[in-house]
C-alpha atoms as a PDB file:
ATOM      1  CA  UNK A   1       6.181  53.757 113.058  1.00  0.00           C
ATOM      2  CA  UNK A   2       7.353  50.527 111.686  1.00  0.00           C
ATOM      3  CA  UNK A   3      10.838  49.245 111.274  1.00  0.00           C
ATOM      4  CA  UNK A   4      10.535  49.804 107.554  1.00  0.00           C
ATOM      5  CA  UNK A   5       9.890  53.524 108.117  1.00  0.00           C
ATOM      6  CA  UNK A   6      12.913  53.803 110.405  1.00  0.00           C
ATOM      7  CA  UNK A   7      15.040  52.028 107.826  1.00  0.00           C
ATOM      8  CA  UNK A   8      13.870  54.477 105.147  1.00  0.00           C
ATOM      9  CA  UNK A   9      14.583  57.489 107.389  1.00  0.00           C
ATOM     10  CA  UNK A  10      17.968  56.066 108.336  1.00  0.00           C
ATOM     11  CA  UNK A  11      18.827  55.555 104.669  1.00  0.00           C
ATOM     12  CA  UNK A  12      17.787  59.129 103.780  1.00  0.00           C
ATOM     13  CA  UNK A  13      19.783  60.633 106.650  1.00  0.00           C
ATOM     14  CA  UNK A  14      22.846  58.574 105.750  1.00  0.00           C
ATOM     15  CA  UNK A  15      22.634  59.608 102.085  1.00  0.00           C
ATOM     16  CA  UNK A  16      22.247  63.277 102.970  1.00  0.00           C
ATOM     17  CA  UNK A  17      25.206  63.034 105.401  1.00  0.00           C
ATOM     18  CA  UNK A  18      27.309  61.630 102.575  1.00  0.00           C
ATOM     19  CA  UNK A  19      26.128  63.956  99.770  1.00  0.00           C
ATOM     20  CA  UNK A  20      26.151  67.284 101.625  1.00  0.00           C
ATOM     21  CA  UNK A  21      29.913  67.268 102.418  1.00  0.00           C
ATOM     22  CA  UNK A  22      30.823  65.870  98.998  1.00  0.00           C
ATOM     23  CA  UNK A  23      29.447  68.891  97.105  1.00  0.00           C
ATOM     24  CA  UNK A  24      31.762  71.510  98.721  1.00  0.00           C
ATOM     25  CA  UNK A  25      34.650  69.034  98.519  1.00  0.00           C
ATOM     26  CA  UNK A  26      34.170  68.606  94.771  1.00  0.00           C
ATOM     27  CA  UNK A  27      33.823  72.371  94.324  1.00  0.00           C
ATOM     28  CA  UNK A  28      37.039  73.017  96.245  1.00  0.00           C
ATOM     29  CA  UNK A  29      38.849  70.343  94.211  1.00  0.00           C
ATOM     30  CA  UNK A  30      37.677  71.971  90.966  1.00  0.00           C
ATOM     31  CA  UNK A  31      38.702  75.459  92.066  1.00  0.00           C
ATOM     32  CA  UNK A  32      42.074  74.189  93.308  1.00  0.00           C
ATOM     33  CA  UNK A  33      42.716  72.311  90.066  1.00  0.00           C
ATOM     34  CA  UNK A  34      41.836  75.371  87.967  1.00  0.00           C
ATOM     35  CA  UNK A  35      44.038  77.658  90.081  1.00  0.00           C
ATOM     36  CA  UNK A  36      46.975  75.254  89.988  1.00  0.00           C
ATOM     37  CA  UNK A  37      46.839  74.695  86.233  1.00  0.00           C
ATOM     38  CA  UNK A  38      46.422  78.419  85.574  1.00  0.00           C
ATOM     39  CA  UNK A  39      49.375  79.273  87.812  1.00  0.00           C
ATOM     40  CA  UNK A  40      51.524  76.547  86.284  1.00  0.00           C
ATOM     41  CA  UNK A  41      50.703  77.702  82.760  1.00  0.00           C
ATOM     42  CA  UNK A  42      51.478  81.346  83.579  1.00  0.00           C
ATOM     43  CA  UNK A  43      54.798  80.523  85.224  1.00  0.00           C
ATOM     44  CA  UNK A  44      55.796  78.238  82.339  1.00  0.00           C
ATOM     45  CA  UNK A  45      54.974  80.898  79.755  1.00  0.00           C
ATOM     46  CA  UNK A  46      56.879  83.554  81.730  1.00  0.00           C
ATOM     47  CA  UNK A  47      59.885  81.258  82.001  1.00  0.00           C
ATOM     48  CA  UNK A  48      59.808  80.491  78.276  1.00  0.00           C
ATOM     49  CA  UNK A  49      59.562  84.209  77.432  1.00  0.00           C
ATOM     50  CA  UNK A  50      62.588  84.919  79.615  1.00  0.00           C
ATOM     51  CA  UNK A  51      64.583  82.114  77.967  1.00  0.00           C
ATOM     52  CA  UNK A  52      63.624  83.324  74.471  1.00  0.00           C
ATOM     53  CA  UNK A  53      64.619  86.896  75.336  1.00  0.00           C
ATOM     54  CA  UNK A  54      67.989  85.725  76.714  1.00  0.00           C
ATOM     55  CA  UNK A  55      68.662  83.675  73.585  1.00  0.00           C
ATOM     56  CA  UNK A  56      67.674  86.581  71.369  1.00  0.00           C
ATOM     57  CA  UNK A  57      70.134  88.841  73.161  1.00  0.00           C
ATOM     58  CA  UNK A  58      72.909  86.225  72.923  1.00  0.00           C
ATOM     59  CA  UNK A  59      72.324  85.778  69.173  1.00  0.00           C
ATOM     60  CA  UNK A  60      72.279  89.533  68.591  1.00  0.00           C
ATOM     61  CA  UNK A  61      75.509  89.893  70.550  1.00  0.00           C
ATOM     62  CA  UNK A  62      77.142  87.071  68.578  1.00  0.00           C
ATOM     63  CA  UNK A  63      76.099  88.571  65.251  1.00  0.00           C
ATOM     64  CA  UNK A  64      77.271  92.056  66.292  1.00  0.00           C
ATOM     65  CA  UNK A  65      80.689  90.627  67.226  1.00  0.00           C
ATOM     66  CA  UNK A  66      80.958  88.824  63.874  1.00  0.00           C
ATOM     67  CA  UNK A  67      79.976  92.021  62.051  1.00  0.00           C
ATOM     68  CA  UNK A  68      82.673  93.960  63.924  1.00  0.00           C
ATOM     69  CA  UNK A  69      85.191  91.227  63.088  1.00  0.00           C
ATOM     70  CA  UNK A  70      84.295  91.406  59.392  1.00  0.00           C
ATOM     71  CA  UNK A  71      84.472  95.200  59.420  1.00  0.00           C
ATOM     72  CA  UNK A  72      87.913  94.980  61.040  1.00  0.00           C
ATOM     73  CA  UNK A  73      89.114  92.529  58.399  1.00  0.00           C
ATOM     74  CA  UNK A  74      87.645  94.684  55.634  1.00  0.00           C
ATOM     75  CA  UNK A  75      89.300  97.812  57.009  1.00  0.00           C
ATOM     76  CA  UNK A  76      92.634  96.027  57.469  1.00  0.00           C
ATOM     77  CA  UNK A  77      92.500  94.625  53.931  1.00  0.00           C
ATOM     78  CA  UNK A  78      91.546  98.025  52.507  1.00  0.00           C
ATOM     79  CA  UNK A  79      94.407  99.658  54.433  1.00  0.00           C
ATOM     80  CA  UNK A  80      96.882  97.113  53.038  1.00  0.00           C
ATOM     81  CA  UNK A  81      95.623  97.736  49.513  1.00  0.00           C
ATOM     82  CA  UNK A  82      96.119 101.508  49.920  1.00  0.00           C
ATOM     83  CA  UNK A  83      99.543 101.121  51.602  1.00  0.00           C
ATOM     84  CA  UNK A  84     100.949  98.576  49.137  1.00  0.00           C
ATOM     85  CA  UNK A  85     100.049  99.617  45.608  1.00  0.00           C
END
């Protein structure tokens, strides 16, 4: 064999030693990226749903209190009208 043949074999071996480990590495990077983004999206959506639900409950509570206040004022005003003709 000539030196040119050895150089060709050496080049092929070197390329295969570089390419073979890169393929699983790229696959694991892709799977990790997909898992991370999916997990991040799910946790963000769950957090936003919880915040929206808490705000909804606070608004409902506020409106119920205002309604009770208005009913109290209405009842007090009606009672004064009946008591003082």
